[in-house]
Amino acid sequence: MRLRRLTFGAAAIALAAVAAPAPAQADTPTVPPPGRVTVEVAGANGSGCPQGTADVAAASDNTAFTVTYSSYLAQTGAGSGGTEFRKNCQLALRIHVPQGYTYAIARADYRGFAHLQRGAYGQERAGYYFQGSAQTTRTTHQVNGPYTDNWQASDQTGYTDLVWAPCGEDRNLNVNTELRVYGGTSSPQTLSFMSMDSTDGSVSTVYHFEWKECPAA
């Protein structure tokens, strides 16, 4: 039986220390640009995001965008198949920004729910890159059982290490995520799982923008 509790009034855990961002350069806008930012799913591939189960939306104030999954769950133990311990998703996102500006991903907040038996553990891994560029370093966050609650993890990048979208070019942002659940020393007759999904849209991954103006042509 799959348990679910997605009320964020419960205590969440921070699973990794994040580096404080370096001070922004003086000529860097401290507010998002005017105009409208749009985000669309150009492609989805992976067992964690079957067709039609991942949605994206840009914040109205241009500060971030969200990804919501509706079928992203890894599990191991009783009643689970041999390959269900690992689920992954690669999203190709088409992001349109106001002319004269470029963006980077300054922080990503991942959320979900986990039910892990004593001795079991789950992992969330993530990374991203712009089409035609090298992938950023993948980060891993781990939750150890016994644990039955919401989980949360954040990755933050210092200003000097930000990877910017090329100015004046339309390149997809490829976002890779992965969930793994290992039984460890838990009984194989028990079920453990970790999810990053939401059937009602209340649990989303949030990617926060950093902005700067492109050089004048």
Protein backbone atom coordinates (compact mmCIF):
# COMPACT_ATOMS: atom_id res chain seq x y z
CA MET A 1 0.00 0.00 0.00
CA ARG A 2 1.44 3.32 -1.00
CA LEU A 3 1.44 5.90 1.77
CA ARG A 4 1.13 9.58 1.00
CA ARG A 5 1.23 12.71 3.10
CA LEU A 6 2.01 15.93 1.28
CA THR A 7 1.17 18.55 3.90
CA PHE A 8 4.09 20.94 4.16
CA GLY A 9 3.21 21.94 7.68
CA ALA A 10 5.28 18.91 8.69
CA ALA A 11 8.93 19.49 9.41
CA ALA A 12 11.14 19.17 6.34
CA ILE A 13 14.81 18.31 6.47
CA ALA A 14 17.69 20.08 4.79
CA LEU A 15 19.87 17.39 3.27
CA ALA A 16 22.95 19.33 2.22
CA ALA A 17 24.88 22.40 3.20
CA VAL A 18 24.73 25.09 0.54
CA ALA A 19 27.34 27.67 -0.23
CA ALA A 20 26.41 31.30 0.24
CA PRO A 21 26.34 33.13 -3.10
CA ALA A 22 29.15 35.54 -3.82
CA PRO A 23 28.17 39.22 -4.00
CA ALA A 24 26.60 40.15 -7.31
CA GLN A 25 28.50 42.43 -9.64
CA ALA A 26 27.53 46.06 -9.51
CA ASP A 27 26.16 46.04 -13.09
CA THR A 28 23.99 43.00 -12.47
CA PRO A 29 20.26 43.70 -12.14
CA THR A 30 19.02 42.96 -8.67
CA VAL A 31 15.44 42.56 -9.89
CA PRO A 32 14.05 40.37 -12.66
CA PRO A 33 13.68 41.95 -16.11
CA PRO A 34 10.44 43.48 -17.34
CA GLY A 35 8.33 41.52 -19.79
CA ARG A 36 7.21 37.93 -19.68
CA VAL A 37 9.19 34.72 -19.14
CA THR A 38 7.67 31.52 -20.53
CA VAL A 39 8.73 27.93 -19.93
CA GLU A 40 7.62 24.93 -22.01
CA VAL A 41 8.49 21.23 -21.99
CA ALA A 42 10.20 20.58 -25.33
CA GLY A 43 10.92 16.94 -24.48
CA ALA A 44 10.70 14.45 -21.62
CA ASN A 45 12.53 11.16 -21.29
CA GLY A 46 12.82 8.71 -18.42
CA SER A 47 10.90 6.32 -16.20
CA GLY A 48 10.12 9.09 -13.71
CA CYS A 49 8.28 11.30 -16.19
CA PRO A 50 6.19 9.30 -18.66
CA GLN A 51 4.58 11.39 -21.37
CA GLY A 52 2.16 13.93 -19.97
CA THR A 53 3.23 13.57 -16.32
CA ALA A 54 5.52 16.62 -16.02
CA ASP A 55 4.25 20.20 -16.07
CA VAL A 56 6.16 23.49 -15.91
CA ALA A 57 5.12 27.03 -15.09
CA ALA A 58 6.96 30.34 -14.76
CA ALA A 59 6.35 32.55 -11.74
CA SER A 60 4.45 35.73 -12.58
CA ASP A 61 7.27 37.87 -11.15
CA ASN A 62 9.98 36.20 -13.31
CA THR A 63 11.94 35.02 -10.26
CA ALA A 64 11.60 31.26 -10.78
CA PHE A 65 9.84 28.41 -12.53
CA THR A 66 8.35 25.21 -11.18
CA VAL A 67 8.29 21.61 -12.37
CA THR A 68 5.51 19.37 -11.10
CA TYR A 69 5.62 15.59 -11.59
CA SER A 70 2.64 13.27 -11.20
CA SER A 71 4.28 9.85 -11.60
CA TYR A 72 7.76 10.04 -10.08
CA LEU A 73 8.28 7.36 -7.44
CA ALA A 74 11.08 4.86 -6.75
CA GLN A 75 10.51 1.90 -4.46
CA THR A 76 12.05 -1.34 -3.28
CA GLY A 77 10.95 -4.31 -1.22
CA ALA A 78 7.64 -6.13 -1.06
CA GLY A 79 5.46 -5.73 -4.14
CA SER A 80 8.00 -3.74 -6.16
CA GLY A 81 9.67 -4.82 -9.38
CA GLY A 82 13.38 -5.29 -9.76
CA THR A 83 13.89 -2.04 -11.69
CA GLU A 84 11.60 0.18 -9.64
CA PHE A 85 14.32 1.10 -7.16
CA ARG A 86 15.56 3.71 -9.67
CA LYS A 87 13.56 6.34 -11.54
CA ASN A 88 14.97 9.16 -13.61
CA CYS A 89 13.84 12.04 -15.78
CA GLN A 90 15.48 14.33 -18.31
CA LEU A 91 13.45 17.36 -19.28
CA ALA A 92 14.35 19.62 -22.18
CA LEU A 93 12.89 23.01 -21.30
CA ARG A 94 12.36 25.82 -23.79
CA ILE A 95 12.69 29.07 -21.83
CA HIS A 96 11.91 32.38 -23.52
CA VAL A 97 13.21 35.50 -21.75
CA PRO A 98 12.87 39.24 -22.47
CA GLN A 99 15.18 40.53 -25.17
CA GLY A 100 18.51 41.82 -23.92
CA TYR A 101 18.66 39.58 -20.83
CA THR A 102 20.11 36.22 -19.97
CA TYR A 103 19.64 33.93 -16.99
CA ALA A 104 21.29 31.27 -14.84
CA ILE A 105 19.87 28.86 -12.28
CA ALA A 106 20.95 30.17 -8.88
CA ARG A 107 19.11 27.68 -6.68
CA ALA A 108 16.99 24.58 -7.05
CA ASP A 109 14.62 23.33 -4.34
CA TYR A 110 13.53 19.69 -4.55
CA ARG A 111 10.63 18.27 -2.55
CA GLY A 112 8.75 15.04 -2.12
CA PHE A 113 7.68 12.37 0.31
CA ALA A 114 9.57 9.33 1.61
CA HIS A 115 8.58 6.19 3.50
CA LEU A 116 11.78 4.34 4.39
CA GLN A 117 12.09 1.34 6.67
CA ARG A 118 14.83 1.10 9.26
CA GLY A 119 18.03 0.20 7.41
CA ALA A 120 16.78 1.49 4.04
CA TYR A 121 17.75 4.78 2.41
CA GLY A 122 16.79 6.93 -0.54
CA GLN A 123 18.78 9.29 -2.75
CA GLU A 124 17.86 12.24 -4.93
CA ARG A 125 20.34 13.30 -7.62
CA ALA A 126 20.15 16.29 -9.93
CA GLY A 127 22.07 18.32 -12.48
CA TYR A 128 21.36 20.55 -15.46
CA TYR A 129 23.02 21.98 -18.56
CA PHE A 130 22.27 24.12 -21.56
CA GLN A 131 21.97 22.40 -24.92
CA GLY A 132 25.43 22.09 -26.43
CA SER A 133 27.24 22.78 -23.14
CA ALA A 134 28.81 20.56 -20.49
CA GLN A 135 26.61 19.33 -17.66
CA THR A 136 26.97 20.90 -14.25
CA THR A 137 28.18 18.77 -11.38
CA ARG A 138 25.46 16.37 -10.24
CA THR A 139 24.60 16.62 -6.58
CA THR A 140 23.30 13.82 -4.36
CA HIS A 141 21.09 14.12 -1.28
CA GLN A 142 20.31 11.15 0.95
CA VAL A 143 17.48 10.33 3.36
CA ASN A 144 18.02 7.50 5.84
CA GLY A 145 15.33 5.28 7.33
CA PRO A 146 13.41 4.95 9.45
CA TYR A 147 11.68 7.96 7.92
CA THR A 148 8.09 8.72 6.95
CA ASP A 149 7.57 12.38 6.13
CA ASN A 150 8.09 15.08 3.54
CA TRP A 151 11.67 15.63 2.43
CA GLN A 152 13.32 18.72 0.98
CA ALA A 153 16.76 19.43 -0.49
CA SER A 154 18.31 22.56 -2.02
CA ASP A 155 21.26 23.19 -4.30
CA GLN A 156 22.64 26.73 -4.47
CA THR A 157 25.36 28.12 -6.72
CA GLY A 158 27.61 31.07 -5.91
CA TYR A 159 27.45 33.97 -8.35
CA THR A 160 30.92 33.45 -9.76
CA ASP A 161 30.11 29.80 -10.55
CA LEU A 162 26.81 30.42 -12.31
CA VAL A 163 26.36 28.99 -15.81
CA TRP A 164 24.61 31.53 -18.03
CA ALA A 165 22.43 30.88 -21.04
CA PRO A 166 24.18 32.19 -24.19
CA CYS A 167 22.94 35.65 -25.08
CA GLY A 168 20.87 35.89 -28.23
CA GLU A 169 20.54 32.12 -28.68
CA ASP A 170 17.66 29.75 -28.11
CA ARG A 171 19.08 26.75 -26.29
CA ASN A 172 17.07 24.29 -24.26
CA LEU A 173 17.82 23.92 -20.58
CA ASN A 174 18.19 20.19 -19.89
CA VAL A 175 17.27 19.22 -16.33
CA ASN A 176 18.27 15.75 -15.11
CA THR A 177 16.89 14.24 -11.90
CA GLU A 178 16.99 10.77 -10.39
CA LEU A 179 15.53 8.94 -7.40
CA ARG A 180 16.96 5.73 -5.94
CA VAL A 181 15.79 3.64 -3.01
CA TYR A 182 17.95 0.90 -1.50
CA GLY A 183 16.67 -1.71 0.93
CA GLY A 184 19.98 -1.88 2.79
CA THR A 185 19.55 -3.94 5.94
CA SER A 186 15.75 -3.61 6.00
CA SER A 187 13.55 -6.69 5.62
CA PRO A 188 12.84 -7.55 1.96
CA GLN A 189 9.23 -8.20 3.01
CA THR A 190 8.76 -4.48 3.77
CA LEU A 191 8.27 -1.65 1.30
CA SER A 192 10.30 1.56 1.11
CA PHE A 193 9.75 4.36 -1.36
CA MET A 194 10.73 7.93 -2.18
CA SER A 195 8.68 10.22 -4.40
CA MET A 196 9.05 13.58 -6.10
CA ASP A 197 5.50 13.67 -7.41
CA SER A 198 2.19 15.28 -6.64
CA THR A 199 -1.26 14.45 -7.98
CA ASP A 200 -2.70 17.82 -6.95
CA GLY A 201 0.18 20.15 -7.89
CA SER A 202 1.01 21.00 -4.28
CA VAL A 203 4.56 19.63 -4.46
CA SER A 204 6.84 21.19 -7.07
CA THR A 205 10.53 21.49 -7.78
CA VAL A 206 11.44 25.18 -7.88
CA TYR A 207 14.29 26.60 -9.98
CA HIS A 208 15.29 30.16 -9.06
CA PHE A 209 16.62 32.54 -11.73
CA GLU A 210 19.56 34.91 -11.54
CA TRP A 211 19.47 37.63 -14.21
CA LYS A 212 21.87 39.94 -16.01
CA GLU A 213 21.80 42.12 -19.08
CA CYS A 214 23.47 40.93 -22.26
CA PRO A 215 26.28 43.04 -23.72
CA ALA A 216 25.15 45.64 -26.23
CA ALA A 217 25.41 44.44 -29.81
